Amino acid sequence: MIDEWAEDRPKWEQIAEVIRARIADGTYPARSRVPSVQQIVTETGVAVDTAQKVLANLREEGAIYTVRGLGSFVTDPSDGA
């Protein structure tokens, strides 16, 4: 997911940026699942709290929504969300 960390920015911000870019370029299309907390931890080596902050930030922005027990998904702009 990230090959090299920028020292001047928090890791959660950098991971969120990667996911945002993947949403924008269609890698994660509307209504598709984004990486889970555990996948982010495994792929990046960050702590669980950091991975949770990534998803919380993307939810706050409206980029994703979470369905308990199913995961987090890309918001579909046509849903009016």
PDB file of N, CA and C in Angstrom:
ATOM      1  N   MET A   1       0.832  -1.190   0.000  1.00  0.00           N
ATOM      2  CA  MET A   1       0.000   0.000   0.000  1.00  0.00           C
ATOM      3  C   MET A   1       0.877   1.255   0.000  1.00  0.00           C
ATOM      4  N   ILE A   2       1.815   1.330   0.926  1.00  0.00           N
ATOM      5  CA  ILE A   2       2.741   2.472   0.983  1.00  0.00           C
ATOM      6  C   ILE A   2       4.154   1.914   1.076  1.00  0.00           C
ATOM      7  N   ASP A   3       4.981   2.324   0.126  1.00  0.00           N
ATOM      8  CA  ASP A   3       6.355   1.825   0.104  1.00  0.00           C
ATOM      9  C   ASP A   3       7.253   2.585   1.072  1.00  0.00           C
ATOM     10  N   GLU A   4       7.030   3.875   1.183  1.00  0.00           N
ATOM     11  CA  GLU A   4       7.882   4.717   2.008  1.00  0.00           C
ATOM     12  C   GLU A   4       7.032   5.749   2.731  1.00  0.00           C
ATOM     13  N   TRP A   5       7.248   5.893   4.033  1.00  0.00           N
ATOM     14  CA  TRP A   5       6.485   6.850   4.835  1.00  0.00           C
ATOM     15  C   TRP A   5       7.111   8.229   4.750  1.00  0.00           C
ATOM     16  N   ALA A   6       6.277   9.239   4.580  1.00  0.00           N
ATOM     17  CA  ALA A   6       6.736  10.627   4.669  1.00  0.00           C
ATOM     18  C   ALA A   6       6.825  10.966   6.154  1.00  0.00           C
ATOM     19  N   GLU A   7       7.944  11.460   6.572  1.00  0.00           N
ATOM     20  CA  GLU A   7       8.165  11.741   7.992  1.00  0.00           C
ATOM     21  C   GLU A   7       7.381  12.950   8.496  1.00  0.00           C
ATOM     22  N   ASP A   8       6.975  13.830   7.581  1.00  0.00           N
ATOM     23  CA  ASP A   8       6.335  15.077   7.999  1.00  0.00           C
ATOM     24  C   ASP A   8       4.819  14.985   8.134  1.00  0.00           C
ATOM     25  N   ARG A   9       4.240  13.811   7.867  1.00  0.00           N
ATOM     26  CA  ARG A   9       2.793  13.635   7.955  1.00  0.00           C
ATOM     27  C   ARG A   9       2.445  12.367   8.705  1.00  0.00           C
ATOM     28  N   PRO A  10       1.351  12.382   9.468  1.00  0.00           N
ATOM     29  CA  PRO A  10       0.943  11.180  10.196  1.00  0.00           C
ATOM     30  C   PRO A  10       0.656  10.019   9.239  1.00  0.00           C
ATOM     31  N   LYS A  11       0.961   8.816   9.684  1.00  0.00           N
ATOM     32  CA  LYS A  11       0.747   7.631   8.840  1.00  0.00           C
ATOM     33  C   LYS A  11      -0.715   7.476   8.453  1.00  0.00           C
ATOM     34  N   TRP A  12      -1.635   7.745   9.398  1.00  0.00           N
ATOM     35  CA  TRP A  12      -3.055   7.566   9.075  1.00  0.00           C
ATOM     36  C   TRP A  12      -3.461   8.468   7.917  1.00  0.00           C
ATOM     37  N   GLU A  13      -2.904   9.677   7.857  1.00  0.00           N
ATOM     38  CA  GLU A  13      -3.208  10.613   6.771  1.00  0.00           C
ATOM     39  C   GLU A  13      -2.712  10.069   5.436  1.00  0.00           C
ATOM     40  N   GLN A  14      -1.524   9.487   5.455  1.00  0.00           N
ATOM     41  CA  GLN A  14      -0.942   8.959   4.227  1.00  0.00           C
ATOM     42  C   GLN A  14      -1.744   7.763   3.714  1.00  0.00           C
ATOM     43  N   ILE A  15      -2.192   6.907   4.620  1.00  0.00           N
ATOM     44  CA  ILE A  15      -2.987   5.741   4.223  1.00  0.00           C
ATOM     45  C   ILE A  15      -4.342   6.197   3.690  1.00  0.00           C
ATOM     46  N   ALA A  16      -4.965   7.152   4.368  1.00  0.00           N
ATOM     47  CA  ALA A  16      -6.245   7.683   3.905  1.00  0.00           C
ATOM     48  C   ALA A  16      -6.103   8.292   2.510  1.00  0.00           C
ATOM     49  N   GLU A  17      -4.993   8.956   2.273  1.00  0.00           N
ATOM     50  CA  GLU A  17      -4.741   9.552   0.956  1.00  0.00           C
ATOM     51  C   GLU A  17      -4.673   8.483  -0.134  1.00  0.00           C
ATOM     52  N   VAL A  18      -4.027   7.372   0.171  1.00  0.00           N
ATOM     53  CA  VAL A  18      -3.930   6.272  -0.794  1.00  0.00           C
ATOM     54  C   VAL A  18      -5.328   5.723  -1.101  1.00  0.00           C
ATOM     55  N   ILE A  19      -6.118   5.514  -0.064  1.00  0.00           N
ATOM     56  CA  ILE A  19      -7.468   4.975  -0.275  1.00  0.00           C
ATOM     57  C   ILE A  19      -8.315   5.979  -1.060  1.00  0.00           C
ATOM     58  N   ARG A  20      -8.220   7.277  -0.725  1.00  0.00           N
ATOM     59  CA  ARG A  20      -8.939   8.316  -1.476  1.00  0.00           C
ATOM     60  C   ARG A  20      -8.553   8.277  -2.955  1.00  0.00           C
ATOM     61  N   ALA A  21      -7.259   8.145  -3.224  1.00  0.00           N
ATOM     62  CA  ALA A  21      -6.786   8.103  -4.610  1.00  0.00           C
ATOM     63  C   ALA A  21      -7.334   6.874  -5.332  1.00  0.00           C
ATOM     64  N   ARG A  22      -7.404   5.752  -4.634  1.00  0.00           N
ATOM     65  CA  ARG A  22      -7.936   4.534  -5.244  1.00  0.00           C
ATOM     66  C   ARG A  22      -9.434   4.644  -5.504  1.00  0.00           C
ATOM     67  N   ILE A  23     -10.135   5.379  -4.661  1.00  0.00           N
ATOM     68  CA  ILE A  23     -11.551   5.643  -4.912  1.00  0.00           C
ATOM     69  C   ILE A  23     -11.674   6.527  -6.151  1.00  0.00           C
ATOM     70  N   ALA A  24     -10.868   7.576  -6.218  1.00  0.00           N
ATOM     71  CA  ALA A  24     -10.916   8.527  -7.331  1.00  0.00           C
ATOM     72  C   ALA A  24     -10.569   7.879  -8.665  1.00  0.00           C
ATOM     73  N   ASP A  25      -9.610   6.955  -8.658  1.00  0.00           N
ATOM     74  CA  ASP A  25      -9.195   6.356  -9.939  1.00  0.00           C
ATOM     75  C   ASP A  25     -10.000   5.107 -10.307  1.00  0.00           C
ATOM     76  N   GLY A  26     -10.973   4.752  -9.454  1.00  0.00           N
ATOM     77  CA  GLY A  26     -11.843   3.625  -9.780  1.00  0.00           C
ATOM     78  C   GLY A  26     -11.354   2.274  -9.307  1.00  0.00           C
ATOM     79  N   THR A  27     -10.202   2.227  -8.651  1.00  0.00           N
ATOM     80  CA  THR A  27      -9.731   0.956  -8.102  1.00  0.00           C
ATOM     81  C   THR A  27     -10.758   0.421  -7.115  1.00  0.00           C
ATOM     82  N   TYR A  28     -11.332   1.327  -6.324  1.00  0.00           N
ATOM     83  CA  TYR A  28     -12.439   1.003  -5.418  1.00  0.00           C
ATOM     84  C   TYR A  28     -13.656   1.773  -5.927  1.00  0.00           C
ATOM     85  N   PRO A  29     -14.462   1.156  -6.794  1.00  0.00           N
ATOM     86  CA  PRO A  29     -15.637   1.857  -7.324  1.00  0.00           C
ATOM     87  C   PRO A  29     -16.740   2.002  -6.275  1.00  0.00           C
ATOM     88  N   ALA A  30     -17.740   2.795  -6.587  1.00  0.00           N
ATOM     89  CA  ALA A  30     -18.871   3.017  -5.691  1.00  0.00           C
ATOM     90  C   ALA A  30     -19.443   1.683  -5.225  1.00  0.00           C
ATOM     91  N   ARG A  31     -19.728   1.628  -3.941  1.00  0.00           N
ATOM     92  CA  ARG A  31     -20.323   0.476  -3.260  1.00  0.00           C
ATOM     93  C   ARG A  31     -19.386  -0.731  -3.120  1.00  0.00           C
ATOM     94  N   SER A  32     -18.140  -0.590  -3.544  1.00  0.00           N
ATOM     95  CA  SER A  32     -17.192  -1.701  -3.356  1.00  0.00           C
ATOM     96  C   SER A  32     -16.566  -1.613  -1.967  1.00  0.00           C
ATOM     97  N   ARG A  33     -16.089  -2.727  -1.491  1.00  0.00           N
ATOM     98  CA  ARG A  33     -15.477  -2.793  -0.161  1.00  0.00           C
ATOM     99  C   ARG A  33     -14.073  -2.196  -0.212  1.00  0.00           C
ATOM    100  N   VAL A  34     -13.755  -1.447   0.826  1.00  0.00           N
ATOM    101  CA  VAL A  34     -12.393  -0.932   1.003  1.00  0.00           C
ATOM    102  C   VAL A  34     -11.699  -1.826   2.028  1.00  0.00           C
ATOM    103  N   PRO A  35     -10.380  -1.738   2.145  1.00  0.00           N
ATOM    104  CA  PRO A  35      -9.680  -2.595   3.102  1.00  0.00           C
ATOM    105  C   PRO A  35     -10.217  -2.437   4.526  1.00  0.00           C
ATOM    106  N   SER A  36     -10.261  -3.555   5.218  1.00  0.00           N
ATOM    107  CA  SER A  36     -10.693  -3.563   6.621  1.00  0.00           C
ATOM    108  C   SER A  36      -9.566  -3.060   7.508  1.00  0.00           C
ATOM    109  N   VAL A  37      -9.895  -2.842   8.770  1.00  0.00           N
ATOM    110  CA  VAL A  37      -8.875  -2.448   9.748  1.00  0.00           C
ATOM    111  C   VAL A  37      -7.748  -3.477   9.729  1.00  0.00           C
ATOM    112  N   GLN A  38      -8.093  -4.745   9.781  1.00  0.00           N
ATOM    113  CA  GLN A  38      -7.074  -5.794   9.818  1.00  0.00           C
ATOM    114  C   GLN A  38      -6.235  -5.816   8.543  1.00  0.00           C
ATOM    115  N   GLN A  39      -6.858  -5.597   7.391  1.00  0.00           N
ATOM    116  CA  GLN A  39      -6.092  -5.555   6.137  1.00  0.00           C
ATOM    117  C   GLN A  39      -5.122  -4.380   6.140  1.00  0.00           C
ATOM    118  N   ILE A  40      -5.569  -3.232   6.629  1.00  0.00           N
ATOM    119  CA  ILE A  40      -4.682  -2.063   6.688  1.00  0.00           C
ATOM    120  C   ILE A  40      -3.508  -2.347   7.615  1.00  0.00           C
ATOM    121  N   VAL A  41      -3.793  -2.953   8.770  1.00  0.00           N
ATOM    122  CA  VAL A  41      -2.730  -3.302   9.720  1.00  0.00           C
ATOM    123  C   VAL A  41      -1.727  -4.246   9.066  1.00  0.00           C
ATOM    124  N   THR A  42      -2.225  -5.282   8.415  1.00  0.00           N
ATOM    125  CA  THR A  42      -1.362  -6.280   7.789  1.00  0.00           C
ATOM    126  C   THR A  42      -0.528  -5.682   6.657  1.00  0.00           C
ATOM    127  N   GLU A  43      -1.153  -4.865   5.826  1.00  0.00           N
ATOM    128  CA  GLU A  43      -0.463  -4.309   4.656  1.00  0.00           C
ATOM    129  C   GLU A  43       0.521  -3.197   4.997  1.00  0.00           C
ATOM    130  N   THR A  44       0.264  -2.466   6.084  1.00  0.00           N
ATOM    131  CA  THR A  44       1.093  -1.291   6.365  1.00  0.00           C
ATOM    132  C   THR A  44       1.932  -1.418   7.626  1.00  0.00           C
ATOM    133  N   GLY A  45       1.552  -2.323   8.524  1.00  0.00           N
ATOM    134  CA  GLY A  45       2.288  -2.482   9.766  1.00  0.00           C
ATOM    135  C   GLY A  45       1.940  -1.452  10.833  1.00  0.00           C
ATOM    136  N   VAL A  46       0.866  -0.667  10.603  1.00  0.00           N
ATOM    137  CA  VAL A  46       0.466   0.306  11.610  1.00  0.00           C
ATOM    138  C   VAL A  46      -0.350  -0.379  12.707  1.00  0.00           C
ATOM    139  N   ALA A  47      -0.567   0.321  13.794  1.00  0.00           N
ATOM    140  CA  ALA A  47      -1.362  -0.196  14.905  1.00  0.00           C
ATOM    141  C   ALA A  47      -2.855  -0.185  14.534  1.00  0.00           C
ATOM    142  N   VAL A  48      -3.615  -0.999  15.234  1.00  0.00           N
ATOM    143  CA  VAL A  48      -5.063  -1.079  15.020  1.00  0.00           C
ATOM    144  C   VAL A  48      -5.703   0.302  15.180  1.00  0.00           C
ATOM    145  N   ASP A  49      -5.312   1.042  16.212  1.00  0.00           N
ATOM    146  CA  ASP A  49      -5.871   2.389  16.429  1.00  0.00           C
ATOM    147  C   ASP A  49      -5.639   3.295  15.222  1.00  0.00           C
ATOM    148  N   THR A  50      -4.477   3.177  14.610  1.00  0.00           N
ATOM    149  CA  THR A  50      -4.154   3.993  13.438  1.00  0.00           C
ATOM    150  C   THR A  50      -5.049   3.613  12.270  1.00  0.00           C
ATOM    151  N   ALA A  51      -5.223   2.319  12.042  1.00  0.00           N
ATOM    152  CA  ALA A  51      -6.084   1.845  10.956  1.00  0.00           C
ATOM    153  C   ALA A  51      -7.527   2.271  11.192  1.00  0.00           C
ATOM    154  N   GLN A  52      -7.974   2.221  12.431  1.00  0.00           N
ATOM    155  CA  GLN A  52      -9.337   2.657  12.755  1.00  0.00           C
ATOM    156  C   GLN A  52      -9.505   4.149  12.474  1.00  0.00           C
ATOM    157  N   LYS A  53      -8.469   4.923  12.747  1.00  0.00           N
ATOM    158  CA  LYS A  53      -8.519   6.359  12.497  1.00  0.00           C
ATOM    159  C   LYS A  53      -8.630   6.647  11.000  1.00  0.00           C
ATOM    160  N   VAL A  54      -7.964   5.854  10.181  1.00  0.00           N
ATOM    161  CA  VAL A  54      -8.056   6.003   8.725  1.00  0.00           C
ATOM    162  C   VAL A  54      -9.518   5.877   8.291  1.00  0.00           C
ATOM    163  N   LEU A  55     -10.153   4.777   8.699  1.00  0.00           N
ATOM    164  CA  LEU A  55     -11.527   4.535   8.280  1.00  0.00           C
ATOM    165  C   LEU A  55     -12.482   5.561   8.886  1.00  0.00           C
ATOM    166  N   ALA A  56     -12.253   5.958  10.129  1.00  0.00           N
ATOM    167  CA  ALA A  56     -13.107   6.972  10.755  1.00  0.00           C
ATOM    168  C   ALA A  56     -13.023   8.290   9.989  1.00  0.00           C
ATOM    169  N   ASN A  57     -11.824   8.667   9.592  1.00  0.00           N
ATOM    170  CA  ASN A  57     -11.641   9.903   8.844  1.00  0.00           C
ATOM    171  C   ASN A  57     -12.363   9.843   7.502  1.00  0.00           C
ATOM    172  N   LEU A  58     -12.228   8.731   6.793  1.00  0.00           N
ATOM    173  CA  LEU A  58     -12.896   8.587   5.501  1.00  0.00           C
ATOM    174  C   LEU A  58     -14.416   8.587   5.651  1.00  0.00           C
ATOM    175  N   ARG A  59     -14.918   8.011   6.762  1.00  0.00           N
ATOM    176  CA  ARG A  59     -16.359   8.050   7.044  1.00  0.00           C
ATOM    177  C   ARG A  59     -16.815   9.482   7.292  1.00  0.00           C
ATOM    178  N   GLU A  60     -16.047  10.217   8.106  1.00  0.00           N
ATOM    179  CA  GLU A  60     -16.393  11.611   8.406  1.00  0.00           C
ATOM    180  C   GLU A  60     -16.442  12.465   7.148  1.00  0.00           C
ATOM    181  N   GLU A  61     -15.577  12.183   6.202  1.00  0.00           N
ATOM    182  CA  GLU A  61     -15.545  12.911   4.930  1.00  0.00           C
ATOM    183  C   GLU A  61     -16.702  12.517   4.028  1.00  0.00           C
ATOM    184  N   GLY A  62     -17.323  11.385   4.316  1.00  0.00           N
ATOM    185  CA  GLY A  62     -18.396  10.888   3.463  1.00  0.00           C
ATOM    186  C   GLY A  62     -17.907  10.042   2.300  1.00  0.00           C
ATOM    187  N   ALA A  63     -16.616   9.704   2.306  1.00  0.00           N
ATOM    188  CA  ALA A  63     -16.051   8.897   1.218  1.00  0.00           C
ATOM    189  C   ALA A  63     -16.457   7.433   1.320  1.00  0.00           C
ATOM    190  N   ILE A  64     -16.672   6.966   2.559  1.00  0.00           N
ATOM    191  CA  ILE A  64     -17.063   5.577   2.789  1.00  0.00           C
ATOM    192  C   ILE A  64     -18.179   5.525   3.827  1.00  0.00           C
ATOM    193  N   TYR A  65     -18.818   4.376   3.894  1.00  0.00           N
ATOM    194  CA  TYR A  65     -19.770   4.099   4.966  1.00  0.00           C
ATOM    195  C   TYR A  65     -19.485   2.691   5.463  1.00  0.00           C
ATOM    196  N   THR A  66     -19.845   2.412   6.693  1.00  0.00           N
ATOM    197  CA  THR A  66     -19.566   1.115   7.296  1.00  0.00           C
ATOM    198  C   THR A  66     -20.871   0.436   7.675  1.00  0.00           C
ATOM    199  N   VAL A  67     -20.962  -0.844   7.349  1.00  0.00           N
ATOM    200  CA  VAL A  67     -22.091  -1.671   7.743  1.00  0.00           C
ATOM    201  C   VAL A  67     -21.555  -2.670   8.753  1.00  0.00           C
ATOM    202  N   ARG A  68     -22.016  -2.560   9.971  1.00  0.00           N
ATOM    203  CA  ARG A  68     -21.523  -3.420  11.046  1.00  0.00           C
ATOM    204  C   ARG A  68     -21.624  -4.885  10.634  1.00  0.00           C
ATOM    205  N   GLY A  69     -20.522  -5.587  10.788  1.00  0.00           N
ATOM    206  CA  GLY A  69     -20.479  -7.007  10.462  1.00  0.00           C
ATOM    207  C   GLY A  69     -20.181  -7.309   8.996  1.00  0.00           C
ATOM    208  N   LEU A  70     -20.236  -6.280   8.142  1.00  0.00           N
ATOM    209  CA  LEU A  70     -19.975  -6.494   6.714  1.00  0.00           C
ATOM    210  C   LEU A  70     -18.725  -5.793   6.219  1.00  0.00           C
ATOM    211  N   GLY A  71     -18.422  -4.627   6.773  1.00  0.00           N
ATOM    212  CA  GLY A  71     -17.232  -3.909   6.349  1.00  0.00           C
ATOM    213  C   GLY A  71     -17.528  -2.484   5.946  1.00  0.00           C
ATOM    214  N   SER A  72     -16.547  -1.862   5.323  1.00  0.00           N
ATOM    215  CA  SER A  72     -16.663  -0.476   4.874  1.00  0.00           C
ATOM    216  C   SER A  72     -16.665  -0.448   3.353  1.00  0.00           C
ATOM    217  N   PHE A  73     -17.503   0.450   2.817  1.00  0.00           N
ATOM    218  CA  PHE A  73     -17.747   0.500   1.385  1.00  0.00           C
ATOM    219  C   PHE A  73     -17.659   1.933   0.885  1.00  0.00           C
ATOM    220  N   VAL A  74     -17.343   2.072  -0.410  1.00  0.00           N
ATOM    221  CA  VAL A  74     -17.262   3.382  -1.040  1.00  0.00           C
ATOM    222  C   VAL A  74     -18.676   3.941  -1.189  1.00  0.00           C
ATOM    223  N   THR A  75     -18.850   5.179  -0.779  1.00  0.00           N
ATOM    224  CA  THR A  75     -20.130   5.852  -0.926  1.00  0.00           C
ATOM    225  C   THR A  75     -20.422   6.058  -2.403  1.00  0.00           C
ATOM    226  N   ASP A  76     -21.668   5.822  -2.778  1.00  0.00           N
ATOM    227  CA  ASP A  76     -22.104   6.076  -4.159  1.00  0.00           C
ATOM    228  C   ASP A  76     -22.704   7.460  -4.197  1.00  0.00           C
ATOM    229  N   PRO A  77     -22.088   8.393  -4.927  1.00  0.00           N
ATOM    230  CA  PRO A  77     -22.596   9.766  -4.976  1.00  0.00           C
ATOM    231  C   PRO A  77     -24.035   9.844  -5.469  1.00  0.00           C
ATOM    232  N   SER A  78     -24.461   8.887  -6.284  1.00  0.00           N
ATOM    233  CA  SER A  78     -25.837   8.930  -6.805  1.00  0.00           C
ATOM    234  C   SER A  78     -26.862   8.571  -5.734  1.00  0.00           C
ATOM    235  N   ASP A  79     -26.402   8.073  -4.577  1.00  0.00           N
ATOM    236  CA  ASP A  79     -27.322   7.766  -3.477  1.00  0.00           C
ATOM    237  C   ASP A  79     -27.688   9.005  -2.687  1.00  0.00           C
ATOM    238  N   GLY A  80     -27.056  10.128  -2.992  1.00  0.00           N
ATOM    239  CA  GLY A  80     -27.345  11.365  -2.284  1.00  0.00           C
ATOM    240  C   GLY A  80     -26.718  11.448  -0.912  1.00  0.00           C
ATOM    241  N   ALA A  81     -25.754  10.575  -0.644  1.00  0.00           N
ATOM    242  CA  ALA A  81     -25.106  10.557   0.675  1.00  0.00           C
ATOM    243  C   ALA A  81     -24.033  11.603   0.777  1.00  0.00           C
TER     244      ALA A  81
END
